[in-house]
N, C-alpha and C. Protein backbone atom coordinates (compact mmCIF):
# COMPACT_ATOMS: atom_id res chain seq x y z
N MET A 1 57.36 25.13 18.21
CA MET A 1 56.34 24.81 17.24
C MET A 1 55.04 25.53 17.57
N LYS A 2 54.79 26.58 16.83
CA LYS A 2 53.53 27.31 17.01
C LYS A 2 52.41 26.53 16.36
N ASN A 3 51.19 26.97 16.61
CA ASN A 3 50.01 26.38 16.00
C ASN A 3 49.91 24.88 16.29
N THR A 4 50.06 24.55 17.56
CA THR A 4 50.11 23.16 18.01
C THR A 4 49.01 22.89 19.03
N ILE A 5 48.44 21.70 18.96
CA ILE A 5 47.51 21.24 20.00
C ILE A 5 47.96 19.88 20.51
N LEU A 6 47.47 19.54 21.69
CA LEU A 6 47.58 18.19 22.24
C LEU A 6 46.22 17.55 22.03
N LEU A 7 46.17 16.46 21.27
CA LEU A 7 44.93 15.76 20.96
C LEU A 7 44.88 14.46 21.75
N VAL A 8 43.92 14.35 22.67
CA VAL A 8 43.77 13.21 23.56
C VAL A 8 42.58 12.38 23.07
N VAL A 9 42.88 11.18 22.55
CA VAL A 9 41.87 10.36 21.88
C VAL A 9 41.46 9.17 22.76
N ASP A 10 40.18 9.10 23.08
CA ASP A 10 39.54 7.93 23.69
C ASP A 10 40.18 7.43 24.99
N VAL A 11 40.65 8.33 25.82
CA VAL A 11 41.14 7.92 27.14
C VAL A 11 39.91 7.90 28.05
N GLN A 12 39.14 6.83 27.89
CA GLN A 12 37.84 6.69 28.54
C GLN A 12 37.87 5.56 29.56
N ASN A 13 36.99 5.68 30.54
CA ASN A 13 36.95 4.72 31.64
C ASN A 13 36.90 3.27 31.18
N VAL A 14 36.02 2.94 30.24
CA VAL A 14 35.84 1.55 29.84
C VAL A 14 37.15 0.94 29.33
N LEU A 15 37.96 1.73 28.66
CA LEU A 15 39.23 1.21 28.14
C LEU A 15 40.30 1.14 29.22
N ILE A 16 40.45 2.19 30.00
CA ILE A 16 41.49 2.20 31.04
C ILE A 16 41.22 1.14 32.09
N GLU A 17 39.97 0.98 32.49
CA GLU A 17 39.64 -0.01 33.52
C GLU A 17 39.84 -1.45 33.04
N SER A 18 39.95 -1.64 31.74
CA SER A 18 40.22 -2.97 31.18
C SER A 18 41.71 -3.29 31.15
N ARG A 19 42.53 -2.38 31.61
CA ARG A 19 43.98 -2.55 31.80
C ARG A 19 44.74 -2.91 30.53
N PRO A 20 44.79 -2.00 29.55
CA PRO A 20 45.61 -2.26 28.38
C PRO A 20 47.10 -2.27 28.74
N TYR A 21 47.93 -2.66 27.80
CA TYR A 21 49.38 -2.72 27.98
C TYR A 21 49.92 -1.38 28.51
N ASN A 22 50.78 -1.45 29.52
CA ASN A 22 51.54 -0.30 30.02
C ASN A 22 50.66 0.85 30.51
N THR A 23 49.50 0.52 31.03
CA THR A 23 48.50 1.52 31.39
C THR A 23 49.04 2.63 32.27
N ARG A 24 49.69 2.27 33.37
CA ARG A 24 50.12 3.28 34.33
C ARG A 24 51.11 4.27 33.69
N LYS A 25 52.06 3.77 32.96
CA LYS A 25 53.06 4.64 32.33
C LYS A 25 52.40 5.56 31.31
N VAL A 26 51.50 5.02 30.51
CA VAL A 26 50.81 5.83 29.50
C VAL A 26 49.99 6.94 30.16
N ILE A 27 49.22 6.59 31.17
CA ILE A 27 48.42 7.62 31.87
C ILE A 27 49.33 8.67 32.50
N ASP A 28 50.39 8.24 33.16
CA ASP A 28 51.31 9.21 33.78
C ASP A 28 51.93 10.13 32.73
N ASN A 29 52.30 9.59 31.58
CA ASN A 29 52.87 10.42 30.53
C ASN A 29 51.86 11.40 29.95
N ILE A 30 50.63 10.94 29.74
CA ILE A 30 49.59 11.83 29.24
C ILE A 30 49.32 12.94 30.26
N LYS A 31 49.29 12.59 31.53
CA LYS A 31 49.10 13.61 32.58
C LYS A 31 50.21 14.66 32.54
N LYS A 32 51.46 14.22 32.35
CA LYS A 32 52.58 15.15 32.25
C LYS A 32 52.41 16.10 31.06
N LEU A 33 52.01 15.55 29.94
CA LEU A 33 51.82 16.38 28.75
C LEU A 33 50.68 17.37 28.94
N ILE A 34 49.60 16.93 29.56
CA ILE A 34 48.47 17.84 29.82
C ILE A 34 48.92 18.97 30.74
N LYS A 35 49.63 18.62 31.79
CA LYS A 35 50.11 19.65 32.72
C LYS A 35 51.02 20.64 32.01
N SER A 36 51.94 20.14 31.23
CA SER A 36 52.87 20.99 30.50
C SER A 36 52.15 21.84 29.45
N ALA A 37 51.20 21.25 28.75
CA ALA A 37 50.44 22.01 27.75
C ALA A 37 49.66 23.14 28.41
N ARG A 38 49.00 22.85 29.52
CA ARG A 38 48.24 23.90 30.21
C ARG A 38 49.16 25.01 30.70
N LYS A 39 50.30 24.64 31.24
CA LYS A 39 51.28 25.61 31.75
C LYS A 39 51.80 26.52 30.63
N ASN A 40 51.93 25.95 29.43
CA ASN A 40 52.52 26.68 28.31
C ASN A 40 51.49 27.16 27.28
N ASN A 41 50.23 27.19 27.69
CA ASN A 41 49.14 27.70 26.85
C ASN A 41 49.00 26.98 25.51
N ILE A 42 49.20 25.67 25.53
CA ILE A 42 48.95 24.82 24.37
C ILE A 42 47.54 24.25 24.56
N GLU A 43 46.70 24.44 23.58
CA GLU A 43 45.33 23.95 23.70
C GLU A 43 45.29 22.43 23.72
N ILE A 44 44.42 21.90 24.55
CA ILE A 44 44.18 20.46 24.63
C ILE A 44 42.78 20.21 24.09
N VAL A 45 42.68 19.27 23.16
CA VAL A 45 41.40 18.89 22.58
C VAL A 45 41.21 17.41 22.87
N TYR A 46 40.03 17.07 23.35
CA TYR A 46 39.70 15.69 23.70
C TYR A 46 38.74 15.11 22.67
N VAL A 47 38.91 13.82 22.42
CA VAL A 47 38.00 13.09 21.55
C VAL A 47 37.50 11.89 22.34
N ARG A 48 36.20 11.65 22.23
CA ARG A 48 35.57 10.59 23.01
C ARG A 48 34.70 9.74 22.08
N HIS A 49 34.88 8.42 22.16
CA HIS A 49 34.09 7.51 21.34
C HIS A 49 32.71 7.33 21.96
N GLU A 50 31.70 7.30 21.10
CA GLU A 50 30.32 7.14 21.54
C GLU A 50 29.63 6.11 20.66
N GLU A 51 28.98 5.14 21.31
CA GLU A 51 28.27 4.11 20.55
C GLU A 51 27.13 3.55 21.39
N ALA A 52 25.92 3.76 20.93
CA ALA A 52 24.72 3.30 21.64
C ALA A 52 24.74 1.78 21.80
N GLY A 53 24.25 1.33 22.96
CA GLY A 53 24.13 -0.10 23.22
C GLY A 53 25.43 -0.79 23.57
N THR A 54 26.48 -0.02 23.84
CA THR A 54 27.78 -0.56 24.22
C THR A 54 28.26 0.14 25.49
N PRO A 55 29.38 -0.29 26.05
CA PRO A 55 29.93 0.44 27.21
C PRO A 55 30.33 1.87 26.87
N PHE A 56 30.35 2.24 25.57
CA PHE A 56 30.65 3.61 25.14
C PHE A 56 29.38 4.44 24.95
N GLU A 57 28.26 3.95 25.46
CA GLU A 57 27.01 4.69 25.29
C GLU A 57 27.08 6.02 26.03
N LYS A 58 26.64 7.06 25.34
CA LYS A 58 26.68 8.42 25.90
C LYS A 58 26.03 8.46 27.28
N GLY A 59 26.74 9.08 28.20
CA GLY A 59 26.23 9.26 29.55
C GLY A 59 26.61 8.16 30.52
N THR A 60 27.11 7.03 30.03
CA THR A 60 27.49 5.94 30.93
C THR A 60 28.84 6.23 31.56
N LEU A 61 29.14 5.53 32.64
CA LEU A 61 30.43 5.68 33.31
C LEU A 61 31.58 5.30 32.38
N GLY A 62 31.42 4.24 31.60
CA GLY A 62 32.47 3.80 30.68
C GLY A 62 32.78 4.82 29.60
N TRP A 63 31.80 5.58 29.17
CA TRP A 63 31.93 6.59 28.12
C TRP A 63 32.73 7.81 28.58
N LYS A 64 32.70 8.09 29.86
CA LYS A 64 33.35 9.30 30.37
C LYS A 64 34.87 9.25 30.23
N ILE A 65 35.45 10.42 30.07
CA ILE A 65 36.90 10.53 29.99
C ILE A 65 37.48 10.19 31.36
N TYR A 66 38.54 9.41 31.34
CA TYR A 66 39.19 8.93 32.56
C TYR A 66 39.56 10.11 33.46
N ASN A 67 39.20 10.01 34.73
CA ASN A 67 39.30 11.11 35.68
C ASN A 67 40.70 11.73 35.78
N GLU A 68 41.74 10.93 35.68
CA GLU A 68 43.10 11.46 35.85
C GLU A 68 43.54 12.38 34.71
N VAL A 69 42.85 12.32 33.59
CA VAL A 69 43.22 13.15 32.44
C VAL A 69 42.05 14.01 31.95
N LYS A 70 41.03 14.15 32.74
CA LYS A 70 39.80 14.80 32.27
C LYS A 70 40.04 16.27 31.93
N PRO A 71 39.22 16.76 31.01
CA PRO A 71 39.35 18.16 30.58
C PRO A 71 38.82 19.14 31.62
N THR A 72 39.29 20.36 31.51
CA THR A 72 38.71 21.45 32.27
C THR A 72 37.45 21.90 31.54
N ASP A 73 36.67 22.75 32.17
CA ASP A 73 35.41 23.19 31.57
C ASP A 73 35.59 23.94 30.25
N ASP A 74 36.76 24.55 30.04
CA ASP A 74 36.95 25.33 28.82
C ASP A 74 37.70 24.59 27.71
N GLU A 75 37.98 23.30 27.91
CA GLU A 75 38.67 22.52 26.89
C GLU A 75 37.66 21.78 26.01
N ALA A 76 37.91 21.77 24.72
CA ALA A 76 36.98 21.21 23.74
C ALA A 76 36.95 19.68 23.79
N ILE A 77 35.76 19.13 23.62
CA ILE A 77 35.56 17.69 23.51
C ILE A 77 34.75 17.43 22.23
N PHE A 78 35.25 16.51 21.42
CA PHE A 78 34.54 16.08 20.23
C PHE A 78 34.14 14.62 20.41
N ASP A 79 32.86 14.32 20.22
CA ASP A 79 32.40 12.95 20.27
C ASP A 79 32.42 12.38 18.87
N LYS A 80 32.82 11.11 18.77
CA LYS A 80 32.92 10.47 17.46
C LYS A 80 32.23 9.11 17.49
N ASN A 81 31.85 8.66 16.30
CA ASN A 81 31.21 7.35 16.13
C ASN A 81 32.04 6.41 15.27
N PHE A 82 33.17 6.89 14.79
CA PHE A 82 34.05 6.12 13.92
C PHE A 82 35.45 6.12 14.51
N ASN A 83 36.35 5.31 13.95
CA ASN A 83 37.72 5.26 14.46
C ASN A 83 38.43 6.60 14.36
N SER A 84 38.31 7.28 13.24
CA SER A 84 39.01 8.55 13.05
C SER A 84 38.33 9.68 13.81
N ALA A 85 39.14 10.47 14.48
CA ALA A 85 38.63 11.65 15.20
C ALA A 85 38.15 12.73 14.23
N PHE A 86 38.46 12.58 12.95
CA PHE A 86 38.10 13.59 11.96
C PHE A 86 36.81 13.29 11.21
N LEU A 87 36.37 12.05 11.21
CA LEU A 87 35.21 11.67 10.41
C LEU A 87 33.90 12.11 11.06
N LYS A 88 33.25 13.09 10.43
CA LYS A 88 31.94 13.58 10.85
C LYS A 88 31.92 14.13 12.28
N THR A 89 33.02 14.80 12.69
CA THR A 89 33.07 15.35 14.05
C THR A 89 33.17 16.87 14.09
N GLY A 90 33.60 17.49 13.03
CA GLY A 90 33.84 18.93 13.05
C GLY A 90 35.23 19.30 13.55
N LEU A 91 36.04 18.29 13.86
CA LEU A 91 37.38 18.56 14.40
C LEU A 91 38.25 19.34 13.41
N LYS A 92 38.24 18.96 12.14
CA LYS A 92 39.08 19.65 11.16
C LYS A 92 38.70 21.13 11.09
N ALA A 93 37.43 21.43 10.99
CA ALA A 93 36.99 22.83 10.91
C ALA A 93 37.43 23.60 12.16
N TYR A 94 37.32 22.95 13.30
CA TYR A 94 37.74 23.59 14.56
C TYR A 94 39.23 23.89 14.54
N LEU A 95 40.05 22.90 14.16
CA LEU A 95 41.50 23.11 14.12
C LEU A 95 41.88 24.15 13.09
N ASP A 96 41.23 24.12 11.94
CA ASP A 96 41.51 25.11 10.91
C ASP A 96 41.16 26.52 11.38
N SER A 97 40.09 26.66 12.14
CA SER A 97 39.70 27.99 12.65
C SER A 97 40.74 28.55 13.62
N LYS A 98 41.56 27.66 14.18
CA LYS A 98 42.60 28.06 15.12
C LYS A 98 43.99 28.04 14.47
N PHE A 99 44.03 27.78 13.16
CA PHE A 99 45.28 27.76 12.39
C PHE A 99 46.27 26.71 12.90
N ILE A 100 45.74 25.59 13.34
CA ILE A 100 46.57 24.50 13.86
C ILE A 100 47.26 23.79 12.70
N LYS A 101 48.55 23.56 12.87
CA LYS A 101 49.35 22.84 11.88
C LYS A 101 49.97 21.56 12.45
N ASN A 102 50.14 21.53 13.78
CA ASN A 102 50.85 20.44 14.45
C ASN A 102 49.97 19.80 15.51
N ILE A 103 49.94 18.48 15.50
CA ILE A 103 49.14 17.73 16.47
C ILE A 103 50.06 16.80 17.26
N ILE A 104 50.04 16.96 18.57
CA ILE A 104 50.67 15.98 19.46
C ILE A 104 49.56 14.99 19.80
N LEU A 105 49.72 13.76 19.36
CA LEU A 105 48.65 12.76 19.41
C LEU A 105 48.93 11.71 20.47
N VAL A 106 47.95 11.52 21.36
CA VAL A 106 48.04 10.51 22.42
C VAL A 106 46.69 9.81 22.55
N GLY A 107 46.68 8.60 23.16
CA GLY A 107 45.40 7.99 23.46
C GLY A 107 45.32 6.50 23.23
N LEU A 108 44.09 6.03 23.04
CA LEU A 108 43.78 4.62 22.91
C LEU A 108 42.91 4.41 21.67
N ARG A 109 42.80 3.32 21.20
CA ARG A 109 43.64 2.17 21.08
C ARG A 109 44.59 2.37 19.93
N THR A 110 45.80 1.95 20.13
CA THR A 110 46.88 2.17 19.17
C THR A 110 46.47 1.81 17.74
N GLU A 111 46.00 0.58 17.54
CA GLU A 111 45.76 0.08 16.19
C GLU A 111 44.40 0.45 15.62
N TYR A 112 43.57 1.09 16.40
CA TYR A 112 42.25 1.49 15.92
C TYR A 112 42.15 3.01 15.84
N CYS A 113 41.70 3.63 16.88
CA CYS A 113 41.39 5.06 16.82
C CYS A 113 42.62 5.95 16.74
N VAL A 114 43.71 5.59 17.38
CA VAL A 114 44.92 6.41 17.26
C VAL A 114 45.47 6.28 15.84
N ASP A 115 45.51 5.06 15.32
CA ASP A 115 45.99 4.85 13.95
C ASP A 115 45.13 5.59 12.94
N ALA A 116 43.83 5.44 13.00
CA ALA A 116 42.94 6.10 12.05
C ALA A 116 43.06 7.62 12.14
N THR A 117 43.17 8.13 13.36
CA THR A 117 43.31 9.57 13.55
C THR A 117 44.65 10.06 13.02
N CYS A 118 45.70 9.33 13.28
CA CYS A 118 47.03 9.68 12.79
C CYS A 118 47.03 9.76 11.26
N LYS A 119 46.52 8.74 10.62
CA LYS A 119 46.55 8.70 9.16
C LYS A 119 45.61 9.75 8.55
N SER A 120 44.46 9.98 9.17
CA SER A 120 43.56 11.03 8.68
C SER A 120 44.21 12.40 8.82
N ALA A 121 44.84 12.65 9.96
CA ALA A 121 45.52 13.94 10.17
C ALA A 121 46.64 14.13 9.15
N PHE A 122 47.38 13.08 8.89
CA PHE A 122 48.44 13.12 7.88
C PHE A 122 47.85 13.47 6.51
N ASP A 123 46.78 12.78 6.14
CA ASP A 123 46.14 13.04 4.85
C ASP A 123 45.63 14.47 4.73
N LEU A 124 45.26 15.06 5.85
CA LEU A 124 44.76 16.43 5.86
C LEU A 124 45.87 17.47 5.94
N GLY A 125 47.12 17.02 6.01
CA GLY A 125 48.25 17.94 5.96
C GLY A 125 48.81 18.39 7.30
N TYR A 126 48.36 17.80 8.38
CA TYR A 126 48.90 18.16 9.70
C TYR A 126 50.24 17.44 9.93
N ASN A 127 51.08 18.05 10.72
CA ASN A 127 52.30 17.41 11.21
C ASN A 127 51.94 16.71 12.51
N ILE A 128 52.23 15.43 12.61
CA ILE A 128 51.83 14.65 13.78
C ILE A 128 53.06 14.24 14.56
N ILE A 129 52.99 14.47 15.87
CA ILE A 129 54.03 14.07 16.80
C ILE A 129 53.39 13.09 17.77
N ILE A 130 54.01 11.94 17.92
CA ILE A 130 53.52 10.94 18.86
C ILE A 130 54.61 10.70 19.90
N PRO A 131 54.37 11.17 21.12
CA PRO A 131 55.36 10.92 22.18
C PRO A 131 55.37 9.43 22.55
N GLU A 132 56.55 8.90 22.78
CA GLU A 132 56.66 7.49 23.16
C GLU A 132 55.89 7.23 24.46
N GLU A 133 55.30 6.06 24.51
CA GLU A 133 54.55 5.58 25.68
C GLU A 133 53.41 6.52 26.07
N THR A 134 52.68 7.01 25.03
CA THR A 134 51.48 7.81 25.29
C THR A 134 50.27 7.25 24.54
N ASN A 135 50.42 6.07 23.96
CA ASN A 135 49.27 5.36 23.40
C ASN A 135 49.41 3.90 23.80
N THR A 136 48.29 3.22 23.82
CA THR A 136 48.30 1.83 24.26
C THR A 136 47.12 1.07 23.68
N THR A 137 47.17 -0.25 23.89
CA THR A 137 46.12 -1.12 23.39
C THR A 137 46.17 -2.45 24.14
N PHE A 138 45.40 -3.39 23.67
CA PHE A 138 45.32 -4.72 24.25
C PHE A 138 45.98 -5.74 23.32
N GLY A 139 46.38 -6.85 23.88
CA GLY A 139 46.86 -7.95 23.06
C GLY A 139 45.70 -8.58 22.32
N ASN A 140 46.06 -9.38 21.31
CA ASN A 140 45.05 -10.11 20.56
C ASN A 140 45.60 -11.50 20.27
N GLU A 141 44.92 -12.27 19.47
CA GLU A 141 45.37 -13.64 19.22
C GLU A 141 46.69 -13.71 18.45
N TYR A 142 47.13 -12.60 17.87
CA TYR A 142 48.34 -12.60 17.07
C TYR A 142 49.53 -11.90 17.74
N LEU A 143 49.24 -10.83 18.49
CA LEU A 143 50.31 -10.02 19.08
C LEU A 143 49.94 -9.59 20.50
N SER A 144 50.95 -9.45 21.32
CA SER A 144 50.74 -8.88 22.65
C SER A 144 50.47 -7.39 22.50
N GLY A 145 49.91 -6.77 23.53
CA GLY A 145 49.71 -5.33 23.52
C GLY A 145 51.01 -4.58 23.29
N LYS A 146 52.07 -5.07 23.90
CA LYS A 146 53.40 -4.45 23.74
C LYS A 146 53.84 -4.50 22.28
N ASN A 147 53.65 -5.64 21.64
CA ASN A 147 54.09 -5.77 20.25
C ASN A 147 53.22 -4.97 19.29
N VAL A 148 51.93 -4.86 19.57
CA VAL A 148 51.07 -4.00 18.76
C VAL A 148 51.57 -2.55 18.88
N TYR A 149 51.81 -2.11 20.12
CA TYR A 149 52.32 -0.76 20.36
C TYR A 149 53.61 -0.52 19.58
N LYS A 150 54.56 -1.41 19.73
CA LYS A 150 55.86 -1.25 19.08
C LYS A 150 55.72 -1.25 17.55
N PHE A 151 54.92 -2.16 17.03
CA PHE A 151 54.75 -2.27 15.58
C PHE A 151 54.19 -0.97 15.00
N TYR A 152 53.11 -0.46 15.57
CA TYR A 152 52.50 0.76 15.02
C TYR A 152 53.38 1.98 15.23
N ASN A 153 53.93 2.14 16.41
CA ASN A 153 54.73 3.33 16.69
C ASN A 153 56.02 3.38 15.87
N PHE A 154 56.71 2.26 15.78
CA PHE A 154 58.05 2.29 15.20
C PHE A 154 58.16 1.71 13.79
N GLU A 155 57.17 0.94 13.36
CA GLU A 155 57.21 0.38 12.01
C GLU A 155 56.20 1.03 11.07
N ILE A 156 55.05 1.42 11.59
CA ILE A 156 54.01 2.00 10.74
C ILE A 156 54.08 3.53 10.73
N TRP A 157 54.03 4.16 11.90
CA TRP A 157 53.90 5.61 11.94
C TRP A 157 55.21 6.38 11.78
N ASN A 158 56.24 6.00 12.52
CA ASN A 158 57.44 6.82 12.60
C ASN A 158 58.08 7.04 11.23
N ASN A 159 58.29 8.29 10.92
CA ASN A 159 58.92 8.74 9.67
C ASN A 159 58.11 8.40 8.42
N ARG A 160 56.85 8.02 8.62
CA ARG A 160 55.93 7.85 7.50
C ARG A 160 54.75 8.80 7.66
N PHE A 161 54.00 8.59 8.73
CA PHE A 161 52.82 9.40 9.01
C PHE A 161 53.06 10.40 10.14
N ALA A 162 54.06 10.15 10.95
CA ALA A 162 54.30 10.95 12.16
C ALA A 162 55.76 10.87 12.55
N LYS A 163 56.10 11.66 13.54
CA LYS A 163 57.39 11.54 14.21
C LYS A 163 57.11 10.99 15.59
N VAL A 164 57.65 9.82 15.89
CA VAL A 164 57.52 9.23 17.22
C VAL A 164 58.80 9.59 17.95
N ILE A 165 58.65 10.39 19.00
CA ILE A 165 59.83 10.89 19.72
C ILE A 165 59.64 10.75 21.22
N SER A 166 60.71 10.92 21.95
CA SER A 166 60.69 10.72 23.40
C SER A 166 59.83 11.77 24.10
N MET A 167 59.38 11.41 25.27
CA MET A 167 58.63 12.35 26.11
C MET A 167 59.47 13.59 26.39
N ALA A 168 60.75 13.41 26.68
CA ALA A 168 61.62 14.55 27.00
C ALA A 168 61.67 15.53 25.82
N GLU A 169 61.76 15.00 24.60
CA GLU A 169 61.79 15.88 23.42
C GLU A 169 60.48 16.64 23.26
N VAL A 170 59.37 15.96 23.49
CA VAL A 170 58.07 16.62 23.35
C VAL A 170 57.89 17.67 24.44
N GLU A 171 58.26 17.34 25.66
CA GLU A 171 58.14 18.32 26.75
C GLU A 171 59.00 19.56 26.47
N ALA A 172 60.19 19.37 25.91
CA ALA A 172 61.04 20.50 25.55
C ALA A 172 60.40 21.33 24.44
N MET A 173 59.79 20.65 23.47
CA MET A 173 59.11 21.36 22.38
C MET A 173 57.97 22.21 22.93
N ILE A 174 57.18 21.63 23.83
CA ILE A 174 56.05 22.36 24.41
C ILE A 174 56.54 23.60 25.15
N SER A 175 57.61 23.46 25.88
CA SER A 175 58.16 24.59 26.63
C SER A 175 58.69 25.69 25.73
N ASP A 176 59.10 25.33 24.52
CA ASP A 176 59.65 26.30 23.57
C ASP A 176 58.59 26.99 22.72
N ILE A 177 57.36 26.50 22.77
CA ILE A 177 56.31 27.07 21.92
C ILE A 177 55.92 28.44 22.43
């Protein structure tokens, strides 16, 4: 799959340190994808949530991208103020300038920023691939974090807005690009 990027959404200290569902596995899988993307010259683009007066305030420790998956100096970072990585960020123009057609989407939180980004990317005509166990969230009064993850990945996104596929399949795709 040519014209592909790895899009890493909101893997920030404040969220990871709060221990969402399946944290270790998700971080390890994202690290594998980043390593594979860098090895195979697939561009990695990072998105970071920013909100004044919150733990996401620009410049705070919580706002920073989690150290285990942090970008290199030459990798793009887009700051956002809304759930979607595309709303008022310049991300679409950037991807279009690089002729990107396919997005491998990973990050936090499943039902908020990953969902909004997935659906926005779909509406904009991108092909979205979501590797299994590369997004996560927290439980709420209605569902556990695990059930939120499963519901969005396998009932909402898969074969509607995206293809949710195994890590092995995505790693093979990256190697073939």
